[in-house]
């Protein structure tokens, strides 16, 4: 059995950006069929190669636009890489865009079951965890209200609460510890740290370098879509701080 939870092998991710403004679907189809639609190639990731051992907590550092969120989405399987491959070992739970799978017409309670099904949780598991999910999200008074009437913070709290009820082998976190007020952020971080005791493997993106250093033991540094440093968290954080002065 491999000692690695994640293997990222020479991954590249290319997007085609339209050079022209297209005002309607009809105009887009006409230009596409006639070959008049021109694109610029943009490589969000290029030649990304690294491995994550089981139980490691890896911070992904880099400035805005470095490719951090794109990399997490490739590893989570949201994006299929243009080149290279990703190997994952174990159950993966991505906490990326919290609440993105909610149906605004359904109540909070109905969305707990909907969102849980998307994440692969059986109904029996959700029945057992339902009260814990509602309590952690602090939505007891609003759980039968349609999601369309929730604030963005309420939706994020509910999404976080659902996703963290399971004990995954791999946990992917993209800026999710910044949701809610200071009290909820502290509670969220405590919840994540309690999950570390199960030897979960973590990939973590945060704008707070202090938070990354507090939660992670290793890190990688992305610059313009390329991996420029990898290793111990203190070593990579020092490189990142030096390059962002």
Protein backbone atom coordinates (compact mmCIF):
# COMPACT_ATOMS: atom_id res chain seq x y z
CA UNK A 1 0.00 0.00 0.00
CA UNK A 2 1.33 3.42 -0.95
CA UNK A 3 2.40 5.80 1.80
CA UNK A 4 1.04 8.69 -0.27
CA UNK A 5 -2.49 10.06 0.05
CA UNK A 6 -2.07 12.31 -3.00
CA UNK A 7 0.28 12.14 -5.99
CA UNK A 8 0.27 15.05 -8.43
CA UNK A 9 2.21 14.06 -11.52
CA UNK A 10 3.24 16.76 -14.02
CA UNK A 11 -0.16 18.44 -13.90
CA UNK A 12 -1.00 21.33 -16.21
CA UNK A 13 -4.31 23.19 -16.48
CA UNK A 14 -5.05 25.31 -19.54
CA UNK A 15 -7.97 27.68 -20.05
CA UNK A 16 -8.98 29.26 -23.36
CA UNK A 17 -9.83 32.93 -22.89
CA UNK A 18 -11.87 34.57 -25.64
CA UNK A 19 -10.14 37.56 -27.23
CA UNK A 20 -13.42 39.11 -28.30
CA UNK A 21 -16.60 40.29 -26.66
CA UNK A 22 -19.57 38.10 -27.61
CA UNK A 23 -22.96 39.63 -26.80
CA UNK A 24 -25.25 36.64 -27.30
CA UNK A 25 -25.34 32.86 -27.58
CA UNK A 26 -26.36 33.22 -31.25
CA UNK A 27 -23.30 35.37 -32.00
CA UNK A 28 -21.09 32.90 -30.10
CA UNK A 29 -22.40 29.92 -32.15
CA UNK A 30 -22.00 31.80 -35.45
CA UNK A 31 -18.40 32.76 -34.67
CA UNK A 32 -17.65 29.26 -33.42
CA UNK A 33 -19.05 27.57 -36.56
CA UNK A 34 -17.36 30.01 -38.95
CA UNK A 35 -14.05 29.74 -37.15
CA UNK A 36 -13.99 33.41 -36.20
CA UNK A 37 -13.86 32.85 -32.45
CA UNK A 38 -10.29 33.44 -31.29
CA UNK A 39 -8.80 32.45 -27.97
CA UNK A 40 -5.80 33.23 -25.85
CA UNK A 41 -4.31 30.21 -24.08
CA UNK A 42 -3.80 30.69 -20.37
CA UNK A 43 -1.97 28.08 -18.33
CA UNK A 44 -3.24 28.39 -14.74
CA UNK A 45 -0.96 25.48 -13.73
CA UNK A 46 2.15 24.15 -15.43
CA UNK A 47 4.36 21.15 -14.61
CA UNK A 48 3.04 20.72 -11.05
CA UNK A 49 4.67 17.69 -9.47
CA UNK A 50 4.56 16.72 -5.78
CA UNK A 51 3.44 13.99 -3.37
CA UNK A 52 1.62 14.22 -0.03
CA UNK A 53 2.21 11.52 2.57
CA UNK A 54 -0.74 10.22 4.56
CA UNK A 55 -1.30 12.34 7.67
CA UNK A 56 0.57 15.39 6.36
CA UNK A 57 -1.08 18.80 6.52
CA UNK A 58 0.11 20.82 3.55
CA UNK A 59 -0.40 24.56 3.20
CA UNK A 60 -0.54 25.94 -0.34
CA UNK A 61 1.01 29.39 -0.42
CA UNK A 62 1.04 31.99 -3.18
CA UNK A 63 -0.28 35.39 -4.17
CA UNK A 64 -3.73 35.88 -5.73
CA UNK A 65 -3.71 34.35 -9.21
CA UNK A 66 -0.89 31.93 -8.41
CA UNK A 67 -3.14 28.93 -9.11
CA UNK A 68 -3.92 27.77 -5.55
CA UNK A 69 -7.68 27.30 -5.91
CA UNK A 70 -7.29 25.81 -9.40
CA UNK A 71 -4.86 23.24 -8.02
CA UNK A 72 -7.28 22.29 -5.23
CA UNK A 73 -10.10 21.87 -7.75
CA UNK A 74 -7.92 19.64 -9.94
CA UNK A 75 -6.99 17.48 -6.94
CA UNK A 76 -10.64 17.34 -5.81
CA UNK A 77 -11.71 16.25 -9.30
CA UNK A 78 -13.73 19.38 -10.09
CA UNK A 79 -11.39 20.12 -13.01
CA UNK A 80 -9.82 17.51 -15.29
CA UNK A 81 -6.20 18.52 -15.87
CA UNK A 82 -5.14 19.38 -19.40
CA UNK A 83 -2.04 17.27 -18.90
CA UNK A 84 -0.65 15.01 -16.20
CA UNK A 85 -2.61 13.07 -13.59
CA UNK A 86 -3.65 13.08 -9.93
CA UNK A 87 -3.78 9.93 -7.81
CA UNK A 88 -5.79 9.93 -4.59
CA UNK A 89 -5.93 7.26 -1.90
CA UNK A 90 -8.97 7.24 0.39
CA UNK A 91 -12.18 9.20 0.89
CA UNK A 92 -11.78 12.85 -0.09
CA UNK A 93 -13.99 15.68 1.19
CA UNK A 94 -13.48 19.06 -0.51
CA UNK A 95 -14.50 22.21 1.36
CA UNK A 96 -14.19 24.62 -1.55
CA UNK A 97 -17.20 26.80 -2.31
CA UNK A 98 -19.32 26.11 0.76
CA UNK A 99 -23.00 25.81 -0.01
CA UNK A 100 -22.49 25.90 -3.78
CA UNK A 101 -24.72 22.83 -4.14
CA UNK A 102 -27.67 24.25 -2.21
CA UNK A 103 -31.07 24.70 -3.86
CA UNK A 104 -32.35 28.20 -2.92
CA UNK A 105 -36.00 27.09 -3.03
CA UNK A 106 -35.48 24.33 -0.44
CA UNK A 107 -35.31 24.85 3.31
CA UNK A 108 -32.12 24.48 5.29
CA UNK A 109 -33.30 21.08 6.51
CA UNK A 110 -34.03 19.86 2.96
CA UNK A 111 -30.67 21.16 1.77
CA UNK A 112 -28.87 19.22 4.50
CA UNK A 113 -30.09 16.01 2.83
CA UNK A 114 -29.50 17.33 -0.70
CA UNK A 115 -25.95 18.58 -0.01
CA UNK A 116 -25.11 15.43 1.96
CA UNK A 117 -26.21 13.27 -0.97
CA UNK A 118 -23.90 15.26 -3.27
CA UNK A 119 -21.03 14.56 -0.86
CA UNK A 120 -21.93 10.87 -0.85
CA UNK A 121 -23.41 10.53 2.66
CA UNK A 122 -26.24 7.96 3.04
CA UNK A 123 -29.59 9.14 4.44
CA UNK A 124 -29.14 7.01 7.55
CA UNK A 125 -25.89 8.85 8.34
CA UNK A 126 -27.57 12.24 7.89
CA UNK A 127 -30.51 11.19 10.08
CA UNK A 128 -28.03 10.39 12.84
CA UNK A 129 -26.03 13.60 12.42
CA UNK A 130 -28.88 16.02 11.59
CA UNK A 131 -29.18 17.64 15.03
CA UNK A 132 -25.38 18.00 15.32
CA UNK A 133 -25.23 19.69 11.89
CA UNK A 134 -27.94 22.21 12.79
CA UNK A 135 -26.48 22.91 16.23
CA UNK A 136 -22.94 23.47 14.94
CA UNK A 137 -24.19 25.79 12.19
CA UNK A 138 -26.17 27.73 14.83
CA UNK A 139 -29.29 27.68 12.64
CA UNK A 140 -31.86 26.10 14.96
CA UNK A 141 -34.33 28.97 14.43
CA UNK A 142 -33.85 29.09 10.66
CA UNK A 143 -33.57 25.45 9.61
CA UNK A 144 -37.10 25.37 8.12
CA UNK A 145 -36.59 28.66 6.24
CA UNK A 146 -35.80 28.52 2.48
CA UNK A 147 -32.08 28.92 1.72
CA UNK A 148 -32.86 31.89 -0.57
CA UNK A 149 -33.56 33.87 2.61
CA UNK A 150 -30.21 32.96 4.21
CA UNK A 151 -27.27 35.35 4.28
CA UNK A 152 -24.04 34.18 2.63
CA UNK A 153 -22.59 33.59 6.09
CA UNK A 154 -25.50 31.37 7.11
CA UNK A 155 -25.12 29.30 3.94
CA UNK A 156 -21.38 28.94 4.50
CA UNK A 157 -21.89 27.87 8.11
CA UNK A 158 -24.38 25.23 7.06
CA UNK A 159 -22.12 23.96 4.27
CA UNK A 160 -19.14 23.76 6.63
CA UNK A 161 -21.19 21.96 9.27
CA UNK A 162 -22.43 19.32 6.79
CA UNK A 163 -19.03 18.68 5.23
CA UNK A 164 -17.18 18.27 8.51
CA UNK A 165 -19.51 15.67 10.03
CA UNK A 166 -17.73 12.86 8.22
CA UNK A 167 -14.23 11.56 8.97
CA UNK A 168 -12.46 11.76 5.60
CA UNK A 169 -9.03 10.40 4.67
CA UNK A 170 -8.26 13.59 2.72
CA UNK A 171 -9.63 17.04 3.55
CA UNK A 172 -9.31 19.97 1.13
CA UNK A 173 -9.84 23.43 2.61
CA UNK A 174 -9.99 26.60 0.48
CA UNK A 175 -10.47 29.72 2.60
CA UNK A 176 -13.29 28.02 4.51
CA UNK A 177 -12.02 29.02 7.96
CA UNK A 178 -12.80 32.66 7.19
CA UNK A 179 -16.59 32.18 7.16
CA UNK A 180 -18.88 33.69 9.76
CA UNK A 181 -18.01 35.95 12.66
CA UNK A 182 -14.91 35.70 14.87
CA UNK A 183 -16.62 33.30 17.27
CA UNK A 184 -17.65 30.91 14.48
CA UNK A 185 -14.20 31.11 12.83
CA UNK A 186 -12.61 30.07 16.12
CA UNK A 187 -15.09 27.20 16.46
CA UNK A 188 -14.45 26.13 12.86
CA UNK A 189 -10.70 26.03 13.37
CA UNK A 190 -11.16 23.99 16.56
CA UNK A 191 -13.36 21.54 14.61
CA UNK A 192 -10.75 21.14 11.88
CA UNK A 193 -8.00 20.61 14.43
CA UNK A 194 -10.06 17.91 16.13
CA UNK A 195 -10.24 16.12 12.76
CA UNK A 196 -6.44 16.07 12.63
CA UNK A 197 -6.47 13.50 15.46
CA UNK A 198 -7.82 10.91 13.00
CA UNK A 199 -4.59 11.24 10.96
CA UNK A 200 -6.47 12.95 8.13
CA UNK A 201 -4.40 14.31 5.22
CA UNK A 202 -5.04 18.02 4.64
CA UNK A 203 -4.49 20.49 1.79
CA UNK A 204 -5.10 24.01 3.05
CA UNK A 205 -5.33 27.44 1.42
CA UNK A 206 -5.73 30.57 3.54
CA UNK A 207 -4.82 34.24 3.19
CA UNK A 208 -3.60 34.07 6.78
CA UNK A 209 0.01 32.85 6.84
CA UNK A 210 -0.17 32.60 10.64
CA UNK A 211 -3.13 30.24 10.32
CA UNK A 212 -1.31 28.10 7.74
CA UNK A 213 1.73 27.88 10.02
CA UNK A 214 -0.50 26.97 12.96
CA UNK A 215 -2.37 24.18 11.16
CA UNK A 216 0.19 22.74 8.71
CA UNK A 217 3.46 20.87 9.01
CA UNK A 218 4.46 21.18 5.33
CA UNK A 219 3.86 23.61 2.48
CA UNK A 220 4.28 24.23 -1.22
CA UNK A 221 4.67 27.61 -2.92
CA UNK A 222 3.01 28.47 -6.23
CA UNK A 223 4.08 31.40 -8.39
CA UNK A 224 2.34 32.14 -11.70
CA UNK A 225 1.03 28.58 -11.86
CA UNK A 226 4.36 26.89 -11.19
CA UNK A 227 5.62 25.14 -8.09
CA UNK A 228 8.73 26.97 -6.86
CA UNK A 229 9.26 25.56 -3.35
CA UNK A 230 8.16 22.58 -1.25
CA UNK A 231 9.07 21.21 2.16
CA UNK A 232 8.79 22.01 5.86
CA UNK A 233 6.21 24.72 6.65
CA UNK A 234 8.70 27.08 8.32
CA UNK A 235 11.17 26.84 5.43
CA UNK A 236 8.58 27.45 2.70
CA UNK A 237 6.83 30.19 4.72
CA UNK A 238 10.17 31.99 5.07
CA UNK A 239 10.68 31.87 1.28
CA UNK A 240 7.14 33.15 0.72
CA UNK A 241 7.60 36.01 3.18
CA UNK A 242 10.90 36.98 1.57
CA UNK A 243 9.36 37.09 -1.91
CA UNK A 244 6.34 39.14 -0.81
CA UNK A 245 8.26 41.94 0.93
